[in-house]
PDB file of all heavy atoms in Angstrom:
ATOM      1  N   GLY A   1     108.900  92.669  98.546  1.00  0.00           N
ATOM      2  CA  GLY A   1     109.532  93.788  98.040  1.00  0.00           C
ATOM      3  C   GLY A   1     108.799  94.792  97.374  1.00  0.00           C
ATOM      4  O   GLY A   1     109.258  95.768  96.716  1.00  0.00           O
ATOM      5  N   ARG A   2     107.351  94.752  97.534  1.00  0.00           N
ATOM      6  CA  ARG A   2     106.508  95.584  96.895  1.00  0.00           C
ATOM      7  C   ARG A   2     105.666  96.448  97.897  1.00  0.00           C
ATOM      8  O   ARG A   2     104.567  96.877  97.665  1.00  0.00           O
ATOM      9  CB  ARG A   2     105.564  94.899  95.962  1.00  0.00           C
ATOM     10  CG  ARG A   2     106.231  94.133  94.765  1.00  0.00           C
ATOM     11  CD  ARG A   2     105.341  93.448  93.829  1.00  0.00           C
ATOM     12  NE  ARG A   2     104.819  92.254  94.460  1.00  0.00           N
ATOM     13  CZ  ARG A   2     103.663  92.105  95.044  1.00  0.00           C
ATOM     14  NH1 ARG A   2     102.681  93.099  95.082  1.00  0.00           N
ATOM     15  NH2 ARG A   2     103.157  90.909  95.537  1.00  0.00           N
ATOM     16  N   GLY A   3     106.235  96.654  99.024  1.00  0.00           N
ATOM     17  CA  GLY A   3     105.453  97.349 100.144  1.00  0.00           C
ATOM     18  C   GLY A   3     105.049  98.721  99.819  1.00  0.00           C
ATOM     19  O   GLY A   3     103.992  99.106 100.099  1.00  0.00           O
ATOM     20  N   GLU A   4     105.977  99.495  99.127  1.00  0.00           N
ATOM     21  CA  GLU A   4     105.645 100.932  98.897  1.00  0.00           C
ATOM     22  C   GLU A   4     104.477 101.019  97.969  1.00  0.00           C
ATOM     23  O   GLU A   4     103.553 101.751  98.163  1.00  0.00           O
ATOM     24  CB  GLU A   4     106.850 101.634  98.318  1.00  0.00           C
ATOM     25  CG  GLU A   4     107.952 101.841  99.232  1.00  0.00           C
ATOM     26  CD  GLU A   4     107.797 103.063 100.185  1.00  0.00           C
ATOM     27  OE1 GLU A   4     106.789 103.715 100.029  1.00  0.00           O
ATOM     28  OE2 GLU A   4     108.748 103.335 100.955  1.00  0.00           O
ATOM     29  N   ALA A   5     104.462 100.189  96.937  1.00  0.00           N
ATOM     30  CA  ALA A   5     103.385 100.230  96.060  1.00  0.00           C
ATOM     31  C   ALA A   5     102.110  99.821  96.547  1.00  0.00           C
ATOM     32  O   ALA A   5     101.040 100.456  96.373  1.00  0.00           O
ATOM     33  CB  ALA A   5     103.707  99.308  94.753  1.00  0.00           C
ATOM     34  N   GLU A   6     102.123  98.837  97.416  1.00  0.00           N
ATOM     35  CA  GLU A   6     100.933  98.342  98.076  1.00  0.00           C
ATOM     36  C   GLU A   6     100.406  99.275  99.132  1.00  0.00           C
ATOM     37  O   GLU A   6      99.123  99.571  99.318  1.00  0.00           O
ATOM     38  CB  GLU A   6     101.067  96.985  98.701  1.00  0.00           C
ATOM     39  CG  GLU A   6      99.850  96.332  99.282  1.00  0.00           C
ATOM     40  CD  GLU A   6      98.873  95.861  98.240  1.00  0.00           C
ATOM     41  OE1 GLU A   6      99.085  96.144  97.086  1.00  0.00           O
ATOM     42  OE2 GLU A   6      97.884  95.266  98.619  1.00  0.00           O
ATOM     43  N   LEU A   7     101.279 100.077  99.697  1.00  0.00           N
ATOM     44  CA  LEU A   7     100.925 101.065 100.677  1.00  0.00           C
ATOM     45  C   LEU A   7     100.166 102.159 100.038  1.00  0.00           C
ATOM     46  O   LEU A   7      99.179 102.725 100.568  1.00  0.00           O
ATOM     47  CB  LEU A   7     102.099 101.640 101.400  1.00  0.00           C
ATOM     48  CG  LEU A   7     101.774 102.745 102.484  1.00  0.00           C
ATOM     49  CD1 LEU A   7     101.095 102.031 103.675  1.00  0.00           C
ATOM     50  CD2 LEU A   7     103.175 103.307 102.984  1.00  0.00           C
ATOM     51  N   ALA A   8     100.552 102.469  98.732  1.00  0.00           N
ATOM     52  CA  ALA A   8      99.743 103.547  98.028  1.00  0.00           C
ATOM     53  C   ALA A   8      98.366 103.079  97.792  1.00  0.00           C
ATOM     54  O   ALA A   8      97.427 103.949  97.877  1.00  0.00           O
ATOM     55  CB  ALA A   8     100.463 103.741  96.651  1.00  0.00           C
ATOM     56  N   ARG A   9      98.099 101.910  97.620  1.00  0.00           N
ATOM     57  CA  ARG A   9      96.751 101.429  97.396  1.00  0.00           C
ATOM     58  C   ARG A   9      95.934 101.504  98.663  1.00  0.00           C
ATOM     59  O   ARG A   9      94.760 102.008  98.719  1.00  0.00           O
ATOM     60  CB  ARG A   9      96.677  99.974  96.820  1.00  0.00           C
ATOM     61  CG  ARG A   9      95.380  99.443  96.492  1.00  0.00           C
ATOM     62  CD  ARG A   9      95.471  98.084  95.835  1.00  0.00           C
ATOM     63  NE  ARG A   9      95.894  97.056  96.821  1.00  0.00           N
ATOM     64  CZ  ARG A   9      94.961  96.335  97.504  1.00  0.00           C
ATOM     65  NH1 ARG A   9      93.603  96.602  97.481  1.00  0.00           N
ATOM     66  NH2 ARG A   9      95.295  95.411  98.406  1.00  0.00           N
ATOM     67  N   PHE A  10      96.604 101.165  99.773  1.00  0.00           N
ATOM     68  CA  PHE A  10      95.888 101.298 101.005  1.00  0.00           C
ATOM     69  C   PHE A  10      95.687 102.853 101.463  1.00  0.00           C
ATOM     70  O   PHE A  10      94.654 103.051 102.005  1.00  0.00           O
ATOM     71  CB  PHE A  10      96.740 100.644 102.150  1.00  0.00           C
ATOM     72  CG  PHE A  10      96.501  99.154 102.238  1.00  0.00           C
ATOM     73  CD1 PHE A  10      96.982  98.263 101.338  1.00  0.00           C
ATOM     74  CD2 PHE A  10      95.806  98.698 103.359  1.00  0.00           C
ATOM     75  CE1 PHE A  10      96.807  96.941 101.489  1.00  0.00           C
ATOM     76  CE2 PHE A  10      95.480  97.268 103.505  1.00  0.00           C
ATOM     77  CZ  PHE A  10      96.055  96.393 102.548  1.00  0.00           C
ATOM     78  N   ALA A  11      96.660 103.580 100.983  1.00  0.00           N
ATOM     79  CA  ALA A  11      96.491 104.997 101.293  1.00  0.00           C
ATOM     80  C   ALA A  11      95.286 105.596 100.638  1.00  0.00           C
ATOM     81  O   ALA A  11      94.556 106.453 101.182  1.00  0.00           O
ATOM     82  CB  ALA A  11      97.806 105.872 100.913  1.00  0.00           C
ATOM     83  N   ALA A  12      95.098 105.260  99.315  1.00  0.00           N
ATOM     84  CA  ALA A  12      93.924 105.707  98.582  1.00  0.00           C
ATOM     85  C   ALA A  12      92.569 105.361  99.341  1.00  0.00           C
ATOM     86  O   ALA A  12      91.751 106.212  99.467  1.00  0.00           O
ATOM     87  CB  ALA A  12      93.911 105.174  97.231  1.00  0.00           C
ATOM     88  N   ALA A  13      92.523 104.127  99.922  1.00  0.00           N
ATOM     89  CA  ALA A  13      91.379 103.717 100.661  1.00  0.00           C
ATOM     90  C   ALA A  13      91.265 104.520 101.939  1.00  0.00           C
ATOM     91  O   ALA A  13      90.144 104.982 102.325  1.00  0.00           O
ATOM     92  CB  ALA A  13      91.465 102.198 100.989  1.00  0.00           C
ATOM     93  N   ALA A  14      92.314 104.767 102.615  1.00  0.00           N
ATOM     94  CA  ALA A  14      92.344 105.582 103.913  1.00  0.00           C
ATOM     95  C   ALA A  14      91.948 107.003 103.596  1.00  0.00           C
ATOM     96  O   ALA A  14      91.166 107.582 104.346  1.00  0.00           O
ATOM     97  CB  ALA A  14      93.741 105.481 104.520  1.00  0.00           C
ATOM     98  N   GLU A  15      92.425 107.585 102.549  1.00  0.00           N
ATOM     99  CA  GLU A  15      92.021 108.933 102.158  1.00  0.00           C
ATOM    100  C   GLU A  15      90.537 109.082 101.917  1.00  0.00           C
ATOM    101  O   GLU A  15      89.890 109.965 102.344  1.00  0.00           O
ATOM    102  CB  GLU A  15      92.870 109.419 100.946  1.00  0.00           C
ATOM    103  CG  GLU A  15      94.319 109.555 101.212  1.00  0.00           C
ATOM    104  CD  GLU A  15      94.619 110.809 101.996  1.00  0.00           C
ATOM    105  OE1 GLU A  15      93.700 111.534 102.562  1.00  0.00           O
ATOM    106  OE2 GLU A  15      95.873 111.112 102.109  1.00  0.00           O
ATOM    107  N   LEU A  16      90.043 108.164 101.143  1.00  0.00           N
ATOM    108  CA  LEU A  16      88.606 108.125 100.877  1.00  0.00           C
ATOM    109  C   LEU A  16      87.799 108.007 102.117  1.00  0.00           C
ATOM    110  O   LEU A  16      86.803 108.708 102.301  1.00  0.00           O
ATOM    111  CB  LEU A  16      88.173 107.093  99.881  1.00  0.00           C
ATOM    112  CG  LEU A  16      86.763 106.968  99.499  1.00  0.00           C
ATOM    113  CD1 LEU A  16      86.138 108.205  98.930  1.00  0.00           C
ATOM    114  CD2 LEU A  16      86.422 105.809  98.603  1.00  0.00           C
ATOM    115  N   ALA A  17      88.163 107.053 102.913  1.00  0.00           N
ATOM    116  CA  ALA A  17      87.458 106.850 104.230  1.00  0.00           C
ATOM    117  C   ALA A  17      87.411 108.121 104.990  1.00  0.00           C
ATOM    118  O   ALA A  17      86.368 108.531 105.663  1.00  0.00           O
ATOM    119  CB  ALA A  17      88.122 105.754 105.072  1.00  0.00           C
ATOM    120  N   HIS A  18      88.636 108.789 105.169  1.00  0.00           N
ATOM    121  CA  HIS A  18      88.697 110.067 105.951  1.00  0.00           C
ATOM    122  C   HIS A  18      87.740 111.101 105.226  1.00  0.00           C
ATOM    123  O   HIS A  18      86.994 111.801 105.946  1.00  0.00           O
ATOM    124  CB  HIS A  18      90.091 110.623 105.852  1.00  0.00           C
ATOM    125  CG  HIS A  18      90.292 111.849 106.576  1.00  0.00           C
ATOM    126  ND1 HIS A  18      90.267 111.918 107.998  1.00  0.00           N
ATOM    127  CD2 HIS A  18      90.576 113.150 106.163  1.00  0.00           C
ATOM    128  CE1 HIS A  18      90.474 113.133 108.313  1.00  0.00           C
ATOM    129  NE2 HIS A  18      90.586 113.889 107.274  1.00  0.00           N
ATOM    130  N   ASP A  19      87.680 111.239 103.995  1.00  0.00           N
ATOM    131  CA  ASP A  19      86.863 112.132 103.275  1.00  0.00           C
ATOM    132  C   ASP A  19      85.398 111.802 103.563  1.00  0.00           C
ATOM    133  O   ASP A  19      84.568 112.740 103.551  1.00  0.00           O
ATOM    134  CB  ASP A  19      87.152 112.125 101.773  1.00  0.00           C
ATOM    135  CG  ASP A  19      88.470 112.682 101.456  1.00  0.00           C
ATOM    136  OD1 ASP A  19      89.120 113.350 102.212  1.00  0.00           O
ATOM    137  OD2 ASP A  19      88.955 112.479 100.231  1.00  0.00           O
ATOM    138  N   LEU A  20      85.106 110.554 103.681  1.00  0.00           N
ATOM    139  CA  LEU A  20      83.666 110.204 103.979  1.00  0.00           C
ATOM    140  C   LEU A  20      83.257 110.245 105.468  1.00  0.00           C
ATOM    141  O   LEU A  20      82.121 109.885 105.900  1.00  0.00           O
ATOM    142  CB  LEU A  20      83.417 108.772 103.461  1.00  0.00           C
ATOM    143  CG  LEU A  20      83.499 108.576 102.007  1.00  0.00           C
ATOM    144  CD1 LEU A  20      83.273 107.108 101.553  1.00  0.00           C
ATOM    145  CD2 LEU A  20      82.488 109.450 101.260  1.00  0.00           C
ATOM    146  N   GLY A  21      84.238 110.635 106.375  1.00  0.00           N
ATOM    147  CA  GLY A  21      83.963 110.695 107.762  1.00  0.00           C
ATOM    148  C   GLY A  21      84.214 109.401 108.568  1.00  0.00           C
ATOM    149  O   GLY A  21      83.708 109.440 109.709  1.00  0.00           O
ATOM    150  N   LEU A  22      84.917 108.491 107.988  1.00  0.00           N
ATOM    151  CA  LEU A  22      85.163 107.224 108.638  1.00  0.00           C
ATOM    152  C   LEU A  22      86.597 107.245 109.334  1.00  0.00           C
ATOM    153  O   LEU A  22      87.483 107.761 108.765  1.00  0.00           O
ATOM    154  CB  LEU A  22      85.067 106.051 107.766  1.00  0.00           C
ATOM    155  CG  LEU A  22      83.723 105.878 106.910  1.00  0.00           C
ATOM    156  CD1 LEU A  22      83.884 104.753 105.934  1.00  0.00           C
ATOM    157  CD2 LEU A  22      82.678 105.537 107.910  1.00  0.00           C
ATOM    158  N   GLY A  23      86.627 106.728 110.535  1.00  0.00           N
ATOM    159  CA  GLY A  23      87.961 106.415 111.080  1.00  0.00           C
ATOM    160  C   GLY A  23      88.616 105.279 110.417  1.00  0.00           C
ATOM    161  O   GLY A  23      87.881 104.457 109.800  1.00  0.00           O
ATOM    162  N   VAL A  24      89.981 105.133 110.536  1.00  0.00           N
ATOM    163  CA  VAL A  24      90.646 104.060 109.883  1.00  0.00           C
ATOM    164  C   VAL A  24      91.449 103.244 110.900  1.00  0.00           C
ATOM    165  O   VAL A  24      92.346 103.755 111.547  1.00  0.00           O
ATOM    166  CB  VAL A  24      91.692 104.676 108.862  1.00  0.00           C
ATOM    167  CG1 VAL A  24      92.455 103.623 108.195  1.00  0.00           C
ATOM    168  CG2 VAL A  24      90.872 105.607 107.820  1.00  0.00           C
ATOM    169  N   ASN A  25      91.143 101.955 110.986  1.00  0.00           N
ATOM    170  CA  ASN A  25      91.836 100.997 111.739  1.00  0.00           C
ATOM    171  C   ASN A  25      92.482 100.059 110.729  1.00  0.00           C
ATOM    172  O   ASN A  25      92.111 100.022 109.572  1.00  0.00           O
ATOM    173  CB  ASN A  25      91.008 100.236 112.664  1.00  0.00           C
ATOM    174  CG  ASN A  25      90.299 101.074 113.687  1.00  0.00           C
ATOM    175  OD1 ASN A  25      90.765 102.269 113.950  1.00  0.00           O
ATOM    176  ND2 ASN A  25      89.300 100.604 114.342  1.00  0.00           N
ATOM    177  N   ALA A  26      93.402  99.190 111.172  1.00  0.00           N
ATOM    178  CA  ALA A  26      93.984  98.198 110.319  1.00  0.00           C
ATOM    179  C   ALA A  26      94.581  97.011 111.139  1.00  0.00           C
ATOM    180  O   ALA A  26      94.817  97.162 112.381  1.00  0.00           O
ATOM    181  CB  ALA A  26      95.145  98.839 109.579  1.00  0.00           C
ATOM    182  N   GLY A  27      94.623  95.795 110.523  1.00  0.00           N
ATOM    183  CA  GLY A  27      95.135  94.727 111.268  1.00  0.00           C
ATOM    184  C   GLY A  27      95.116  93.403 110.390  1.00  0.00           C
ATOM    185  O   GLY A  27      94.309  93.319 109.406  1.00  0.00           O
ATOM    186  N   HIS A  28      96.089  92.584 110.721  1.00  0.00           N
ATOM    187  CA  HIS A  28      96.261  91.230 110.138  1.00  0.00           C
ATOM    188  C   HIS A  28      97.649  91.125 109.536  1.00  0.00           C
ATOM    189  O   HIS A  28      97.906  91.831 108.531  1.00  0.00           O
ATOM    190  CB  HIS A  28      95.224  90.789 109.072  1.00  0.00           C
ATOM    191  CG  HIS A  28      94.949  89.290 109.074  1.00  0.00           C
ATOM    192  ND1 HIS A  28      94.048  88.741 109.981  1.00  0.00           N
ATOM    193  CD2 HIS A  28      95.598  88.349 108.388  1.00  0.00           C
ATOM    194  CE1 HIS A  28      94.069  87.402 109.784  1.00  0.00           C
ATOM    195  NE2 HIS A  28      94.888  87.141 108.756  1.00  0.00           N
ATOM    196  N   ASP A  29      98.435  90.366 110.185  1.00  0.00           N
ATOM    197  CA  ASP A  29      99.847  90.104 109.719  1.00  0.00           C
ATOM    198  C   ASP A  29     100.780  91.247 109.775  1.00  0.00           C
ATOM    199  O   ASP A  29     101.847  91.307 109.051  1.00  0.00           O
ATOM    200  CB  ASP A  29      99.798  89.472 108.301  1.00  0.00           C
ATOM    201  CG  ASP A  29      99.470  87.973 108.375  1.00  0.00           C
ATOM    202  OD1 ASP A  29      99.206  87.469 109.421  1.00  0.00           O
ATOM    203  OD2 ASP A  29      99.338  87.383 107.247  1.00  0.00           O
ATOM    204  N   LEU A  30     100.417  92.322 110.570  1.00  0.00           N
ATOM    205  CA  LEU A  30     101.381  93.438 110.754  1.00  0.00           C
ATOM    206  C   LEU A  30     102.388  92.925 111.849  1.00  0.00           C
ATOM    207  O   LEU A  30     102.002  92.305 112.769  1.00  0.00           O
ATOM    208  CB  LEU A  30     100.657  94.649 111.221  1.00  0.00           C
ATOM    209  CG  LEU A  30      99.679  95.298 110.271  1.00  0.00           C
ATOM    210  CD1 LEU A  30      98.905  96.386 110.885  1.00  0.00           C
ATOM    211  CD2 LEU A  30     100.451  95.782 109.030  1.00  0.00           C
ATOM    212  N   ASP A  31     103.664  93.291 111.665  1.00  0.00           N
ATOM    213  CA  ASP A  31     104.726  92.833 112.588  1.00  0.00           C
ATOM    214  C   ASP A  31     105.839  93.920 112.569  1.00  0.00           C
ATOM    215  O   ASP A  31     105.687  95.009 112.008  1.00  0.00           O
ATOM    216  CB  ASP A  31     105.318  91.552 112.079  1.00  0.00           C
ATOM    217  CG  ASP A  31     105.899  91.481 110.710  1.00  0.00           C
ATOM    218  OD1 ASP A  31     106.283  92.602 110.277  1.00  0.00           O
ATOM    219  OD2 ASP A  31     105.958  90.343 110.098  1.00  0.00           O
ATOM    220  N   LEU A  32     106.913  93.672 113.392  1.00  0.00           N
ATOM    221  CA  LEU A  32     107.918  94.595 113.528  1.00  0.00           C
ATOM    222  C   LEU A  32     108.677  94.972 112.296  1.00  0.00           C
ATOM    223  O   LEU A  32     109.286  95.972 112.221  1.00  0.00           O
ATOM    224  CB  LEU A  32     108.818  94.163 114.694  1.00  0.00           C
ATOM    225  CG  LEU A  32     108.234  94.198 116.085  1.00  0.00           C
ATOM    226  CD1 LEU A  32     109.259  93.605 117.016  1.00  0.00           C
ATOM    227  CD2 LEU A  32     107.842  95.564 116.559  1.00  0.00           C
ATOM    228  N   ASP A  33     108.549  94.072 111.332  1.00  0.00           N
ATOM    229  CA  ASP A  33     109.324  94.344 110.050  1.00  0.00           C
ATOM    230  C   ASP A  33     108.493  95.237 109.193  1.00  0.00           C
ATOM    231  O   ASP A  33     109.060  96.160 108.579  1.00  0.00           O
ATOM    232  CB  ASP A  33     109.542  92.955 109.322  1.00  0.00           C
ATOM    233  CG  ASP A  33     110.579  92.113 110.077  1.00  0.00           C
ATOM    234  OD1 ASP A  33     111.469  92.701 110.708  1.00  0.00           O
ATOM    235  OD2 ASP A  33     110.476  90.900 109.994  1.00  0.00           O
ATOM    236  N   ASN A  34     107.224  94.976 108.908  1.00  0.00           N
ATOM    237  CA  ASN A  34     106.455  95.734 108.008  1.00  0.00           C
ATOM    238  C   ASN A  34     105.699  96.913 108.621  1.00  0.00           C
ATOM    239  O   ASN A  34     105.193  97.818 107.941  1.00  0.00           O
ATOM    240  CB  ASN A  34     105.443  94.873 107.229  1.00  0.00           C
ATOM    241  CG  ASN A  34     104.440  94.053 108.158  1.00  0.00           C
ATOM    242  OD1 ASN A  34     103.937  94.579 109.097  1.00  0.00           O
ATOM    243  ND2 ASN A  34     104.184  92.834 107.864  1.00  0.00           N
ATOM    244  N   LEU A  35     105.529  97.007 109.971  1.00  0.00           N
ATOM    245  CA  LEU A  35     104.873  98.057 110.627  1.00  0.00           C
ATOM    246  C   LEU A  35     105.466  99.421 110.392  1.00  0.00           C
ATOM    247  O   LEU A  35     104.738 100.409 110.281  1.00  0.00           O
ATOM    248  CB  LEU A  35     104.587  97.725 112.148  1.00  0.00           C
ATOM    249  CG  LEU A  35     103.640  98.700 112.828  1.00  0.00           C
ATOM    250  CD1 LEU A  35     102.306  98.752 112.239  1.00  0.00           C
ATOM    251  CD2 LEU A  35     103.589  98.328 114.264  1.00  0.00           C
TER     252      LEU A  35
END
């Protein structure tokens, strides 16, 4: 039940990656419920 809060942490990493010129992929345990 803490998906929104954890997504914010991932978003910070994705934003920094984008700012540094890196593309962003993701994977492991993603499914139709959490995707």
